[in-house]
Amino acid sequence: MKAPPKIKIYTKYYCGWCKEVLDYLDRLGWEYEEHEVMKNPKHYQALVDLSGQDMTPTALIDGKLLVDFGADELEEFLKHEGYL
């Protein structure tokens, strides 16, 4: 198993999937860098520049982009990549 990845995640404060994903990462005890896009125009623009869209959650996980996902899809991705 690999060490926990570097995670940058773009969220919206009212997004249920965002809360679900952040709760999942918290349960794993992993650190992440959260960027809430609705309250910060710079974070919103960074999200659009990075992914070409504005759906959340969007995450950059060790350089790999994951867009518009829930905790189940995140878990599957992390297993596939060897983090779990």
N, C-alpha and C. Protein backbone atom coordinates (compact mmCIF):
# COMPACT_ATOMS: atom_id res chain seq x y z
N MET A 1 0.84 -1.18 0.00
CA MET A 1 0.00 0.00 0.00
C MET A 1 0.89 1.25 0.00
N LYS A 2 0.48 2.24 -0.78
CA LYS A 2 1.21 3.51 -0.85
C LYS A 2 0.88 4.39 0.35
N ALA A 3 1.76 5.36 0.60
CA ALA A 3 1.48 6.38 1.61
C ALA A 3 0.29 7.22 1.13
N PRO A 4 -0.42 7.86 2.04
CA PRO A 4 -1.55 8.71 1.62
C PRO A 4 -1.10 9.74 0.58
N PRO A 5 -1.95 9.97 -0.41
CA PRO A 5 -1.59 10.90 -1.49
C PRO A 5 -1.73 12.36 -1.07
N LYS A 6 -1.14 13.23 -1.88
CA LYS A 6 -1.36 14.67 -1.73
C LYS A 6 -2.69 14.96 -2.41
N ILE A 7 -3.61 15.59 -1.67
CA ILE A 7 -4.97 15.83 -2.17
C ILE A 7 -5.31 17.31 -2.09
N LYS A 8 -5.72 17.85 -3.22
CA LYS A 8 -6.31 19.19 -3.28
C LYS A 8 -7.73 18.98 -3.76
N ILE A 9 -8.70 19.47 -3.00
CA ILE A 9 -10.10 19.21 -3.34
C ILE A 9 -10.88 20.52 -3.39
N TYR A 10 -11.65 20.67 -4.45
CA TYR A 10 -12.49 21.84 -4.66
C TYR A 10 -13.92 21.46 -4.26
N THR A 11 -14.52 22.29 -3.41
CA THR A 11 -15.85 21.99 -2.87
C THR A 11 -16.76 23.21 -2.96
N LYS A 12 -18.05 22.95 -2.76
CA LYS A 12 -19.07 24.00 -2.57
C LYS A 12 -19.70 23.75 -1.22
N TYR A 13 -19.92 24.79 -0.44
CA TYR A 13 -20.38 24.64 0.94
C TYR A 13 -21.72 23.91 1.05
N TYR A 14 -22.55 23.95 0.01
CA TYR A 14 -23.87 23.32 0.07
C TYR A 14 -23.91 21.94 -0.61
N CYS A 15 -22.79 21.46 -1.06
CA CYS A 15 -22.72 20.21 -1.82
C CYS A 15 -22.68 18.99 -0.90
N GLY A 16 -23.73 18.17 -0.99
CA GLY A 16 -23.80 16.96 -0.18
C GLY A 16 -22.68 15.97 -0.48
N TRP A 17 -22.36 15.79 -1.76
CA TRP A 17 -21.27 14.88 -2.12
C TRP A 17 -19.94 15.38 -1.58
N CYS A 18 -19.75 16.70 -1.56
CA CYS A 18 -18.51 17.27 -1.01
C CYS A 18 -18.38 16.90 0.46
N LYS A 19 -19.45 17.09 1.22
CA LYS A 19 -19.43 16.76 2.65
C LYS A 19 -19.15 15.27 2.84
N GLU A 20 -19.78 14.44 2.04
CA GLU A 20 -19.58 12.99 2.12
C GLU A 20 -18.11 12.63 1.87
N VAL A 21 -17.51 13.23 0.86
CA VAL A 21 -16.12 12.94 0.51
C VAL A 21 -15.17 13.45 1.60
N LEU A 22 -15.42 14.67 2.11
CA LEU A 22 -14.57 15.20 3.17
C LEU A 22 -14.68 14.35 4.44
N ASP A 23 -15.89 13.91 4.77
CA ASP A 23 -16.08 13.03 5.93
C ASP A 23 -15.31 11.73 5.74
N TYR A 24 -15.34 11.19 4.54
CA TYR A 24 -14.61 9.95 4.24
C TYR A 24 -13.11 10.15 4.44
N LEU A 25 -12.57 11.24 3.90
CA LEU A 25 -11.14 11.52 4.06
C LEU A 25 -10.79 11.73 5.53
N ASP A 26 -11.66 12.39 6.27
CA ASP A 26 -11.44 12.58 7.71
C ASP A 26 -11.42 11.24 8.44
N ARG A 27 -12.32 10.32 8.08
CA ARG A 27 -12.34 8.99 8.70
C ARG A 27 -11.04 8.25 8.42
N LEU A 28 -10.47 8.46 7.23
CA LEU A 28 -9.18 7.83 6.92
C LEU A 28 -8.04 8.49 7.70
N GLY A 29 -8.28 9.70 8.18
CA GLY A 29 -7.25 10.43 8.89
C GLY A 29 -6.24 11.09 7.97
N TRP A 30 -6.62 11.28 6.72
CA TRP A 30 -5.71 11.85 5.72
C TRP A 30 -5.85 13.36 5.67
N GLU A 31 -4.73 14.01 5.42
CA GLU A 31 -4.73 15.45 5.23
C GLU A 31 -5.12 15.78 3.79
N TYR A 32 -5.74 16.93 3.61
CA TYR A 32 -6.11 17.40 2.28
C TYR A 32 -6.17 18.91 2.31
N GLU A 33 -6.07 19.49 1.16
CA GLU A 33 -6.15 20.94 1.01
C GLU A 33 -7.50 21.24 0.37
N GLU A 34 -8.41 21.85 1.13
CA GLU A 34 -9.75 22.14 0.63
C GLU A 34 -9.83 23.57 0.10
N HIS A 35 -10.47 23.71 -1.06
CA HIS A 35 -10.71 25.02 -1.65
C HIS A 35 -12.21 25.16 -1.92
N GLU A 36 -12.90 25.93 -1.10
CA GLU A 36 -14.33 26.17 -1.26
C GLU A 36 -14.49 27.24 -2.34
N VAL A 37 -15.21 26.91 -3.40
CA VAL A 37 -15.23 27.75 -4.60
C VAL A 37 -16.33 28.81 -4.62
N MET A 38 -17.37 28.66 -3.83
CA MET A 38 -18.47 29.62 -3.89
C MET A 38 -18.16 30.91 -3.13
N LYS A 39 -17.30 30.82 -2.16
CA LYS A 39 -16.97 31.99 -1.36
C LYS A 39 -15.64 32.63 -1.78
N ASN A 40 -14.97 32.01 -2.74
CA ASN A 40 -13.67 32.53 -3.16
C ASN A 40 -13.56 32.47 -4.68
N PRO A 41 -13.68 33.58 -5.37
CA PRO A 41 -13.63 33.60 -6.84
C PRO A 41 -12.32 33.05 -7.40
N LYS A 42 -11.22 33.21 -6.68
CA LYS A 42 -9.94 32.67 -7.16
C LYS A 42 -9.96 31.14 -7.18
N HIS A 43 -10.56 30.55 -6.15
CA HIS A 43 -10.67 29.09 -6.11
C HIS A 43 -11.62 28.60 -7.21
N TYR A 44 -12.70 29.35 -7.43
CA TYR A 44 -13.65 28.97 -8.50
C TYR A 44 -12.93 28.99 -9.85
N GLN A 45 -12.18 30.02 -10.12
CA GLN A 45 -11.47 30.11 -11.39
C GLN A 45 -10.41 29.01 -11.52
N ALA A 46 -9.74 28.69 -10.41
CA ALA A 46 -8.76 27.61 -10.43
C ALA A 46 -9.42 26.27 -10.76
N LEU A 47 -10.63 26.04 -10.22
CA LEU A 47 -11.39 24.83 -10.52
C LEU A 47 -11.70 24.75 -12.01
N VAL A 48 -12.21 25.82 -12.58
CA VAL A 48 -12.57 25.84 -14.00
C VAL A 48 -11.32 25.69 -14.87
N ASP A 49 -10.24 26.37 -14.50
CA ASP A 49 -9.00 26.26 -15.27
C ASP A 49 -8.45 24.83 -15.23
N LEU A 50 -8.54 24.20 -14.08
CA LEU A 50 -8.01 22.85 -13.91
C LEU A 50 -8.83 21.80 -14.64
N SER A 51 -10.16 21.91 -14.53
CA SER A 51 -11.01 20.81 -15.00
C SER A 51 -11.89 21.15 -16.19
N GLY A 52 -12.00 22.43 -16.54
CA GLY A 52 -12.85 22.81 -17.65
C GLY A 52 -14.33 22.81 -17.33
N GLN A 53 -14.67 22.73 -16.04
CA GLN A 53 -16.07 22.69 -15.61
C GLN A 53 -16.15 23.22 -14.19
N ASP A 54 -17.38 23.28 -13.63
CA ASP A 54 -17.51 23.81 -12.27
C ASP A 54 -18.21 22.86 -11.30
N MET A 55 -18.20 21.58 -11.62
CA MET A 55 -18.86 20.60 -10.75
C MET A 55 -17.94 20.20 -9.60
N THR A 56 -18.55 19.96 -8.45
CA THR A 56 -17.80 19.54 -7.27
C THR A 56 -18.44 18.30 -6.67
N PRO A 57 -17.65 17.54 -5.92
CA PRO A 57 -16.25 17.76 -5.67
C PRO A 57 -15.39 17.45 -6.90
N THR A 58 -14.31 18.17 -6.99
CA THR A 58 -13.26 17.90 -7.97
C THR A 58 -11.97 17.83 -7.18
N ALA A 59 -11.17 16.83 -7.44
CA ALA A 59 -9.94 16.65 -6.67
C ALA A 59 -8.76 16.39 -7.59
N LEU A 60 -7.63 16.88 -7.14
CA LEU A 60 -6.35 16.56 -7.75
C LEU A 60 -5.64 15.68 -6.73
N ILE A 61 -5.45 14.41 -7.08
CA ILE A 61 -4.90 13.43 -6.16
C ILE A 61 -3.58 12.93 -6.74
N ASP A 62 -2.50 13.37 -6.14
CA ASP A 62 -1.16 13.07 -6.66
C ASP A 62 -1.09 13.30 -8.16
N GLY A 63 -1.65 14.42 -8.59
CA GLY A 63 -1.56 14.81 -10.00
C GLY A 63 -2.64 14.23 -10.90
N LYS A 64 -3.51 13.38 -10.37
CA LYS A 64 -4.60 12.79 -11.18
C LYS A 64 -5.90 13.49 -10.83
N LEU A 65 -6.67 13.83 -11.86
CA LEU A 65 -7.90 14.58 -11.70
C LEU A 65 -9.10 13.65 -11.55
N LEU A 66 -9.91 13.92 -10.54
CA LEU A 66 -11.15 13.19 -10.30
C LEU A 66 -12.26 14.24 -10.21
N VAL A 67 -13.30 14.10 -11.03
CA VAL A 67 -14.31 15.14 -11.17
C VAL A 67 -15.70 14.59 -10.85
N ASP A 68 -16.48 15.36 -10.06
CA ASP A 68 -17.89 15.07 -9.81
C ASP A 68 -18.08 13.63 -9.33
N PHE A 69 -17.67 13.36 -8.11
CA PHE A 69 -17.66 12.00 -7.57
C PHE A 69 -18.19 11.98 -6.15
N GLY A 70 -18.51 10.80 -5.68
CA GLY A 70 -18.92 10.59 -4.31
C GLY A 70 -17.90 9.75 -3.58
N ALA A 71 -18.18 9.45 -2.31
CA ALA A 71 -17.23 8.69 -1.50
C ALA A 71 -16.98 7.30 -2.06
N ASP A 72 -18.01 6.66 -2.61
CA ASP A 72 -17.84 5.31 -3.18
C ASP A 72 -16.87 5.33 -4.35
N GLU A 73 -17.01 6.32 -5.23
CA GLU A 73 -16.10 6.44 -6.38
C GLU A 73 -14.69 6.79 -5.92
N LEU A 74 -14.58 7.61 -4.89
CA LEU A 74 -13.27 7.95 -4.35
C LEU A 74 -12.59 6.71 -3.79
N GLU A 75 -13.32 5.93 -3.03
CA GLU A 75 -12.76 4.71 -2.46
C GLU A 75 -12.29 3.76 -3.57
N GLU A 76 -13.09 3.61 -4.60
CA GLU A 76 -12.71 2.75 -5.72
C GLU A 76 -11.43 3.27 -6.39
N PHE A 77 -11.35 4.57 -6.61
CA PHE A 77 -10.17 5.17 -7.21
C PHE A 77 -8.94 4.92 -6.33
N LEU A 78 -9.07 5.15 -5.02
CA LEU A 78 -7.94 4.98 -4.11
C LEU A 78 -7.47 3.53 -4.06
N LYS A 79 -8.39 2.60 -4.11
CA LYS A 79 -8.02 1.18 -4.16
C LYS A 79 -7.30 0.86 -5.46
N HIS A 80 -7.83 1.33 -6.56
CA HIS A 80 -7.23 1.10 -7.88
C HIS A 80 -5.80 1.65 -7.94
N GLU A 81 -5.59 2.80 -7.31
CA GLU A 81 -4.28 3.45 -7.34
C GLU A 81 -3.32 2.90 -6.27
N GLY A 82 -3.80 1.99 -5.42
CA GLY A 82 -2.94 1.35 -4.43
C GLY A 82 -2.78 2.09 -3.12
N TYR A 83 -3.67 3.04 -2.82
CA TYR A 83 -3.61 3.77 -1.55
C TYR A 83 -4.36 3.06 -0.44
N LEU A 84 -5.27 2.19 -0.80
CA LEU A 84 -6.05 1.42 0.20
C LEU A 84 -5.85 -0.06 -0.04
